[in-house]
All heavy atoms as atom14 arrays in JSON, in Angstrom:
{
  "sequence": "LFGGQLREFICAYIVTFTTSPILRKIEPFKLNFVVT",
  "atom14_mask": [
    [1, 1, 1, 1, 1, 1, 1, 1, 0, 0, 0, 0, 0, 0],
    [1, 1, 1, 1, 1, 1, 1, 1, 1, 1, 1, 0, 0, 0],
    [1, 1, 1, 1, 0, 0, 0, 0, 0, 0, 0, 0, 0, 0],
    [1, 1, 1, 1, 0, 0, 0, 0, 0, 0, 0, 0, 0, 0],
    [1, 1, 1, 1, 1, 1, 1, 1, 1, 0, 0, 0, 0, 0],
    [1, 1, 1, 1, 1, 1, 1, 1, 0, 0, 0, 0, 0, 0],
    [1, 1, 1, 1, 1, 1, 1, 1, 1, 1, 1, 0, 0, 0],
    [1, 1, 1, 1, 1, 1, 1, 1, 1, 0, 0, 0, 0, 0],
    [1, 1, 1, 1, 1, 1, 1, 1, 1, 1, 1, 0, 0, 0],
    [1, 1, 1, 1, 1, 1, 1, 1, 0, 0, 0, 0, 0, 0],
    [1, 1, 1, 1, 1, 1, 0, 0, 0, 0, 0, 0, 0, 0],
    [1, 1, 1, 1, 1, 0, 0, 0, 0, 0, 0, 0, 0, 0],
    [1, 1, 1, 1, 1, 1, 1, 1, 1, 1, 1, 1, 0, 0],
    [1, 1, 1, 1, 1, 1, 1, 1, 0, 0, 0, 0, 0, 0],
    [1, 1, 1, 1, 1, 1, 1, 0, 0, 0, 0, 0, 0, 0],
    [1, 1, 1, 1, 1, 1, 1, 0, 0, 0, 0, 0, 0, 0],
    [1, 1, 1, 1, 1, 1, 1, 1, 1, 1, 1, 0, 0, 0],
    [1, 1, 1, 1, 1, 1, 1, 0, 0, 0, 0, 0, 0, 0],
    [1, 1, 1, 1, 1, 1, 1, 0, 0, 0, 0, 0, 0, 0],
    [1, 1, 1, 1, 1, 1, 0, 0, 0, 0, 0, 0, 0, 0],
    [1, 1, 1, 1, 1, 1, 1, 0, 0, 0, 0, 0, 0, 0],
    [1, 1, 1, 1, 1, 1, 1, 1, 0, 0, 0, 0, 0, 0],
    [1, 1, 1, 1, 1, 1, 1, 1, 0, 0, 0, 0, 0, 0],
    [1, 1, 1, 1, 1, 1, 1, 1, 1, 1, 1, 0, 0, 0],
    [1, 1, 1, 1, 1, 1, 1, 1, 1, 0, 0, 0, 0, 0],
    [1, 1, 1, 1, 1, 1, 1, 1, 0, 0, 0, 0, 0, 0],
    [1, 1, 1, 1, 1, 1, 1, 1, 1, 0, 0, 0, 0, 0],
    [1, 1, 1, 1, 1, 1, 1, 0, 0, 0, 0, 0, 0, 0],
    [1, 1, 1, 1, 1, 1, 1, 1, 1, 1, 1, 0, 0, 0],
    [1, 1, 1, 1, 1, 1, 1, 1, 1, 0, 0, 0, 0, 0],
    [1, 1, 1, 1, 1, 1, 1, 1, 0, 0, 0, 0, 0, 0],
    [1, 1, 1, 1, 1, 1, 1, 1, 0, 0, 0, 0, 0, 0],
    [1, 1, 1, 1, 1, 1, 1, 1, 1, 1, 1, 0, 0, 0],
    [1, 1, 1, 1, 1, 1, 1, 0, 0, 0, 0, 0, 0, 0],
    [1, 1, 1, 1, 1, 1, 1, 0, 0, 0, 0, 0, 0, 0],
    [1, 1, 1, 1, 1, 1, 1, 0, 0, 0, 0, 0, 0, 0]
  ],
  "atom14_positions": [
    [[203.71, -16.39, 58.49], [203.64, -15.39, 59.55], [203.51, -16.07, 60.93], [204.07, -15.6, 61.94], [202.44, -14.46, 59.36], [202.24, -13.32, 60.35], [203.41, -12.33, 60.31], [200.92, -12.58, 60.1], [0.0, 0.0, 0.0], [0.0, 0.0, 0.0], [0.0, 0.0, 0.0], [0.0, 0.0, 0.0], [0.0, 0.0, 0.0], [0.0, 0.0, 0.0]],
    [[202.81, -17.25, 60.96], [202.67, -17.94, 62.23], [203.75, -19.04, 62.45], [203.56, -19.92, 63.28], [201.27, -18.58, 62.28], [200.18, -17.62, 62.49], [199.33, -17.31, 61.43], [199.98, -17.0, 63.69], [198.27, -16.36, 61.6], [198.97, -16.08, 63.9], [198.11, -15.76, 62.82], [0.0, 0.0, 0.0], [0.0, 0.0, 0.0], [0.0, 0.0, 0.0]],
    [[204.83, -18.95, 61.73], [205.97, -19.8, 61.99], [206.22, -20.93, 61.03], [207.13, -21.77, 61.22], [0.0, 0.0, 0.0], [0.0, 0.0, 0.0], [0.0, 0.0, 0.0], [0.0, 0.0, 0.0], [0.0, 0.0, 0.0], [0.0, 0.0, 0.0], [0.0, 0.0, 0.0], [0.0, 0.0, 0.0], [0.0, 0.0, 0.0], [0.0, 0.0, 0.0]],
    [[205.44, -21.02, 59.94], [205.62, -22.09, 58.95], [206.85, -21.83, 58.1], [207.34, -20.73, 57.92], [0.0, 0.0, 0.0], [0.0, 0.0, 0.0], [0.0, 0.0, 0.0], [0.0, 0.0, 0.0], [0.0, 0.0, 0.0], [0.0, 0.0, 0.0], [0.0, 0.0, 0.0], [0.0, 0.0, 0.0], [0.0, 0.0, 0.0], [0.0, 0.0, 0.0]],
    [[207.3, -22.91, 57.46], [208.42, -22.85, 56.53], [207.89, -23.0, 55.08], [206.72, -22.92, 54.84], [209.46, -23.96, 56.88], [209.98, -23.87, 58.29], [210.68, -22.58, 58.66], [211.42, -22.04, 57.81], [210.42, -22.04, 59.83], [0.0, 0.0, 0.0], [0.0, 0.0, 0.0], [0.0, 0.0, 0.0], [0.0, 0.0, 0.0], [0.0, 0.0, 0.0]],
    [[208.79, -23.24, 54.17], [208.42, -23.34, 52.76], [207.41, -24.43, 52.52], [206.44, -24.27, 51.79], [209.65, -23.58, 51.9], [209.39, -23.72, 50.37], [208.77, -22.45, 49.81], [210.69, -24.04, 49.64], [0.0, 0.0, 0.0], [0.0, 0.0, 0.0], [0.0, 0.0, 0.0], [0.0, 0.0, 0.0], [0.0, 0.0, 0.0], [0.0, 0.0, 0.0]],
    [[207.58, -25.57, 53.17], [206.66, -26.71, 52.99], [205.25, -26.36, 53.46], [204.25, -26.69, 52.84], [207.17, -27.93, 53.69], [208.44, -28.5, 53.04], [209.14, -29.5, 53.95], [208.31, -30.72, 54.12], [208.75, -31.79, 54.79], [209.96, -31.78, 55.35], [207.97, -32.85, 54.92], [0.0, 0.0, 0.0], [0.0, 0.0, 0.0], [0.0, 0.0, 0.0]],
    [[205.17, -25.66, 54.6], [203.89, -25.22, 55.12], [203.26, -24.14, 54.22], [202.04, -24.12, 54.01], [204.02, -24.66, 56.54], [204.19, -25.7, 57.67], [205.59, -26.35, 57.62], [206.55, -25.65, 57.27], [205.66, -27.57, 57.93], [0.0, 0.0, 0.0], [0.0, 0.0, 0.0], [0.0, 0.0, 0.0], [0.0, 0.0, 0.0], [0.0, 0.0, 0.0]],
    [[204.12, -23.31, 53.67], [203.66, -22.29, 52.75], [202.96, -22.88, 51.55], [201.83, -22.53, 51.17], [204.86, -21.43, 52.26], [204.5, -20.38, 51.23], [204.14, -19.09, 51.63], [204.58, -20.67, 49.9], [203.84, -18.12, 50.67], [204.27, -19.7, 48.95], [203.87, -18.43, 49.36], [0.0, 0.0, 0.0], [0.0, 0.0, 0.0], [0.0, 0.0, 0.0]],
    [[203.61, -23.88, 50.99], [203.06, -24.56, 49.78], [201.79, -25.33, 50.16], [200.77, -25.25, 49.43], [204.11, -25.54, 49.18], [205.31, -24.72, 48.64], [203.48, -26.37, 48.05], [206.47, -25.61, 48.22], [0.0, 0.0, 0.0], [0.0, 0.0, 0.0], [0.0, 0.0, 0.0], [0.0, 0.0, 0.0], [0.0, 0.0, 0.0], [0.0, 0.0, 0.0]],
    [[201.79, -26.01, 51.26], [200.63, -26.75, 51.67], [199.42, -25.89, 51.98], [198.27, -26.17, 51.63], [200.94, -27.65, 52.88], [202.04, -29.01, 52.48], [0.0, 0.0, 0.0], [0.0, 0.0, 0.0], [0.0, 0.0, 0.0], [0.0, 0.0, 0.0], [0.0, 0.0, 0.0], [0.0, 0.0, 0.0], [0.0, 0.0, 0.0], [0.0, 0.0, 0.0]],
    [[199.69, -24.75, 52.64], [198.61, -23.84, 52.97], [198.04, -23.2, 51.7], [196.82, -23.02, 51.58], [199.16, -22.68, 53.9], [0.0, 0.0, 0.0], [0.0, 0.0, 0.0], [0.0, 0.0, 0.0], [0.0, 0.0, 0.0], [0.0, 0.0, 0.0], [0.0, 0.0, 0.0], [0.0, 0.0, 0.0], [0.0, 0.0, 0.0], [0.0, 0.0, 0.0]],
    [[198.87, -23.01, 50.7], [198.39, -22.49, 49.43], [197.43, -23.55, 48.78], [196.33, -23.2, 48.3], [199.52, -22.17, 48.5], [199.05, -21.6, 47.19], [198.91, -20.22, 47.03], [198.69, -22.43, 46.11], [198.46, -19.69, 45.82], [198.21, -21.87, 44.9], [198.11, -20.51, 44.77], [197.64, -20.03, 43.63], [0.0, 0.0, 0.0], [0.0, 0.0, 0.0]],
    [[197.91, -24.76, 48.78], [197.09, -25.83, 48.16], [195.74, -25.99, 48.89], [194.7, -26.1, 48.26], [197.84, -27.21, 48.23], [199.08, -27.13, 47.35], [196.95, -28.35, 47.79], [200.03, -28.3, 47.46], [0.0, 0.0, 0.0], [0.0, 0.0, 0.0], [0.0, 0.0, 0.0], [0.0, 0.0, 0.0], [0.0, 0.0, 0.0], [0.0, 0.0, 0.0]],
    [[195.79, -25.99, 50.24], [194.56, -26.16, 51.03], [193.61, -25.02, 50.8], [192.42, -25.22, 50.54], [194.9, -26.26, 52.53], [193.67, -26.18, 53.39], [195.63, -27.56, 52.79], [0.0, 0.0, 0.0], [0.0, 0.0, 0.0], [0.0, 0.0, 0.0], [0.0, 0.0, 0.0], [0.0, 0.0, 0.0], [0.0, 0.0, 0.0], [0.0, 0.0, 0.0]],
    [[194.09, -23.79, 50.83], [193.22, -22.6, 50.68], [192.69, -22.51, 49.26], [191.51, -22.2, 49.03], [193.96, -21.36, 51.08], [194.7, -21.55, 52.25], [192.96, -20.22, 51.33], [0.0, 0.0, 0.0], [0.0, 0.0, 0.0], [0.0, 0.0, 0.0], [0.0, 0.0, 0.0], [0.0, 0.0, 0.0], [0.0, 0.0, 0.0], [0.0, 0.0, 0.0]],
    [[193.57, -22.75, 48.3], [193.15, -22.71, 46.89], [192.09, -23.73, 46.6], [191.21, -23.52, 45.73], [194.38, -22.94, 46.02], [194.1, -22.91, 44.54], [193.95, -21.67, 43.85], [193.93, -24.07, 43.8], [193.66, -21.63, 42.51], [193.66, -24.07, 42.45], [193.51, -22.84, 41.82], [0.0, 0.0, 0.0], [0.0, 0.0, 0.0], [0.0, 0.0, 0.0]],
    [[192.15, -24.86, 47.26], [191.13, -25.92, 47.06], [189.86, -25.63, 47.78], [188.75, -25.89, 47.27], [191.72, -27.26, 47.55], [192.98, -27.52, 46.93], [190.76, -28.37, 47.24], [0.0, 0.0, 0.0], [0.0, 0.0, 0.0], [0.0, 0.0, 0.0], [0.0, 0.0, 0.0], [0.0, 0.0, 0.0], [0.0, 0.0, 0.0], [0.0, 0.0, 0.0]],
    [[189.94, -25.08, 49.01], [188.75, -24.8, 49.79], [187.9, -23.67, 49.26], [186.67, -23.72, 49.29], [189.16, -24.48, 51.26], [189.95, -25.58, 51.77], [187.94, -24.31, 52.16], [0.0, 0.0, 0.0], [0.0, 0.0, 0.0], [0.0, 0.0, 0.0], [0.0, 0.0, 0.0], [0.0, 0.0, 0.0], [0.0, 0.0, 0.0], [0.0, 0.0, 0.0]],
    [[188.55, -22.65, 48.74], [187.85, -21.45, 48.27], [186.77, -21.72, 47.25], [185.61, -21.29, 47.44], [188.85, -20.41, 47.72], [188.25, -19.27, 47.24], [0.0, 0.0, 0.0], [0.0, 0.0, 0.0], [0.0, 0.0, 0.0], [0.0, 0.0, 0.0], [0.0, 0.0, 0.0], [0.0, 0.0, 0.0], [0.0, 0.0, 0.0], [0.0, 0.0, 0.0]],
    [[187.02, -22.47, 46.17], [185.95, -22.69, 45.19], [184.84, -23.61, 45.75], [183.67, -23.49, 45.35], [186.68, -23.42, 44.03], [187.92, -23.95, 44.62], [188.33, -23.02, 45.72], [0.0, 0.0, 0.0], [0.0, 0.0, 0.0], [0.0, 0.0, 0.0], [0.0, 0.0, 0.0], [0.0, 0.0, 0.0], [0.0, 0.0, 0.0], [0.0, 0.0, 0.0]],
    [[185.21, -24.51, 46.73], [184.18, -25.36, 47.28], [183.16, -24.55, 48.13], [181.94, -24.73, 47.99], [184.8, -26.47, 48.16], [185.66, -27.36, 47.35], [183.72, -27.26, 48.87], [186.42, -28.42, 48.12], [0.0, 0.0, 0.0], [0.0, 0.0, 0.0], [0.0, 0.0, 0.0], [0.0, 0.0, 0.0], [0.0, 0.0, 0.0], [0.0, 0.0, 0.0]],
    [[183.69, -23.59, 48.89], [182.83, -22.72, 49.64], [181.96, -21.86, 48.69], [180.79, -21.58, 49.05], [183.67, -21.77, 50.54], [184.39, -22.46, 51.69], [185.22, -21.43, 52.45], [183.4, -23.09, 52.67], [0.0, 0.0, 0.0], [0.0, 0.0, 0.0], [0.0, 0.0, 0.0], [0.0, 0.0, 0.0], [0.0, 0.0, 0.0], [0.0, 0.0, 0.0]],
    [[182.48, -21.47, 47.57], [181.66, -20.69, 46.61], [180.55, -21.58, 46.03], [179.46, -21.05, 45.74], [182.58, -20.11, 45.57], [181.88, -19.11, 44.66], [182.84, -18.4, 43.76], [183.57, -19.28, 42.92], [184.84, -19.58, 43.04], [185.56, -19.0, 44.01], [185.48, -20.4, 42.23], [0.0, 0.0, 0.0], [0.0, 0.0, 0.0], [0.0, 0.0, 0.0]],
    [[180.86, -22.82, 45.84], [179.86, -23.74, 45.21], [178.65, -23.96, 46.16], [177.53, -24.29, 45.68], [180.5, -25.09, 44.89], [181.52, -25.03, 43.74], [180.86, -24.68, 42.43], [181.91, -24.75, 41.3], [181.29, -24.37, 39.99], [0.0, 0.0, 0.0], [0.0, 0.0, 0.0], [0.0, 0.0, 0.0], [0.0, 0.0, 0.0], [0.0, 0.0, 0.0]],
    [[178.88, -23.86, 47.46], [177.77, -24.09, 48.39], [176.97, -22.83, 48.67], [175.94, -22.91, 49.4], [178.25, -24.69, 49.71], [179.13, -23.72, 50.51], [179.03, -26.01, 49.45], [179.5, -24.19, 51.89], [0.0, 0.0, 0.0], [0.0, 0.0, 0.0], [0.0, 0.0, 0.0], [0.0, 0.0, 0.0], [0.0, 0.0, 0.0], [0.0, 0.0, 0.0]],
    [[177.35, -21.68, 48.14], [176.62, -20.47, 48.33], [175.15, -20.52, 47.87], [174.28, -20.01, 48.57], [177.34, -19.3, 47.66], [178.59, -18.79, 48.36], [179.28, -17.69, 47.64], [178.73, -17.23, 46.59], [180.3, -17.21, 48.11], [0.0, 0.0, 0.0], [0.0, 0.0, 0.0], [0.0, 0.0, 0.0], [0.0, 0.0, 0.0], [0.0, 0.0, 0.0]],
    [[174.88, -21.19, 46.77], [173.45, -21.25, 46.31], [172.53, -21.97, 47.31], [171.33, -21.77, 47.25], [173.54, -22.04, 45.0], [174.91, -21.81, 44.48], [175.78, -21.72, 45.69], [0.0, 0.0, 0.0], [0.0, 0.0, 0.0], [0.0, 0.0, 0.0], [0.0, 0.0, 0.0], [0.0, 0.0, 0.0], [0.0, 0.0, 0.0], [0.0, 0.0, 0.0]],
    [[173.07, -22.76, 48.19], [172.31, -23.44, 49.2], [171.8, -22.51, 50.32], [170.97, -22.9, 51.16], [173.03, -24.63, 49.81], [173.34, -25.72, 48.8], [174.58, -25.83, 48.18], [172.38, -26.6, 48.42], [174.86, -26.83, 47.3], [172.62, -27.62, 47.49], [173.9, -27.73, 46.94], [0.0, 0.0, 0.0], [0.0, 0.0, 0.0], [0.0, 0.0, 0.0]],
    [[172.42, -21.28, 50.38], [172.06, -20.24, 51.31], [172.06, -20.74, 52.76], [171.13, -20.55, 53.54], [170.64, -19.68, 51.0], [170.59, -19.02, 49.61], [169.3, -18.34, 49.39], [169.21, -17.75, 48.0], [170.28, -16.75, 47.72], [0.0, 0.0, 0.0], [0.0, 0.0, 0.0], [0.0, 0.0, 0.0], [0.0, 0.0, 0.0], [0.0, 0.0, 0.0]],
    [[173.16, -21.43, 53.13], [173.33, -21.87, 54.49], [173.68, -20.7, 55.38], [174.25, -19.66, 54.88], [174.48, -22.94, 54.58], [174.34, -24.14, 53.67], [175.6, -25.0, 53.73], [173.11, -24.95, 54.14], [0.0, 0.0, 0.0], [0.0, 0.0, 0.0], [0.0, 0.0, 0.0], [0.0, 0.0, 0.0], [0.0, 0.0, 0.0], [0.0, 0.0, 0.0]],
    [[173.39, -20.75, 56.67], [173.74, -19.59, 57.52], [175.26, -19.53, 57.7], [175.99, -20.51, 57.45], [173.0, -19.69, 58.89], [173.46, -20.87, 59.75], [174.62, -20.91, 60.18], [172.59, -21.8, 59.97], [0.0, 0.0, 0.0], [0.0, 0.0, 0.0], [0.0, 0.0, 0.0], [0.0, 0.0, 0.0], [0.0, 0.0, 0.0], [0.0, 0.0, 0.0]],
    [[175.72, -18.39, 58.14], [177.17, -18.11, 58.21], [177.93, -19.04, 59.16], [179.1, -19.35, 58.95], [177.46, -16.65, 58.51], [176.9, -16.17, 59.81], [177.63, -16.31, 60.99], [175.65, -15.61, 59.88], [177.16, -15.89, 62.21], [175.12, -15.15, 61.1], [175.87, -15.31, 62.26], [0.0, 0.0, 0.0], [0.0, 0.0, 0.0], [0.0, 0.0, 0.0]],
    [[177.27, -19.51, 60.23], [177.94, -20.42, 61.14], [178.21, -21.76, 60.49], [179.31, -22.31, 60.56], [177.09, -20.59, 62.46], [177.74, -21.62, 63.38], [176.84, -19.28, 63.12], [0.0, 0.0, 0.0], [0.0, 0.0, 0.0], [0.0, 0.0, 0.0], [0.0, 0.0, 0.0], [0.0, 0.0, 0.0], [0.0, 0.0, 0.0], [0.0, 0.0, 0.0]],
    [[177.22, -22.29, 59.78], [177.36, -23.59, 59.12], [178.4, -23.48, 57.97], [179.25, -24.34, 57.81], [176.01, -24.04, 58.56], [176.2, -25.35, 57.76], [175.02, -24.3, 59.7], [0.0, 0.0, 0.0], [0.0, 0.0, 0.0], [0.0, 0.0, 0.0], [0.0, 0.0, 0.0], [0.0, 0.0, 0.0], [0.0, 0.0, 0.0], [0.0, 0.0, 0.0]],
    [[178.33, -22.36, 57.26], [179.28, -22.14, 56.15], [180.71, -22.17, 56.64], [181.61, -22.8, 56.07], [178.99, -20.84, 55.42], [177.66, -20.88, 54.87], [179.95, -20.63, 54.25], [0.0, 0.0, 0.0], [0.0, 0.0, 0.0], [0.0, 0.0, 0.0], [0.0, 0.0, 0.0], [0.0, 0.0, 0.0], [0.0, 0.0, 0.0], [0.0, 0.0, 0.0]]
  ]
}
């Protein structure tokens, strides 16, 4: 939507798919929303 092509599409998927579970793993530490 912001102008990326197929390569950016694939990379964004990889990045987001990787980041999402990491953010979930740090939830038990109860960090504030700014730090998270």
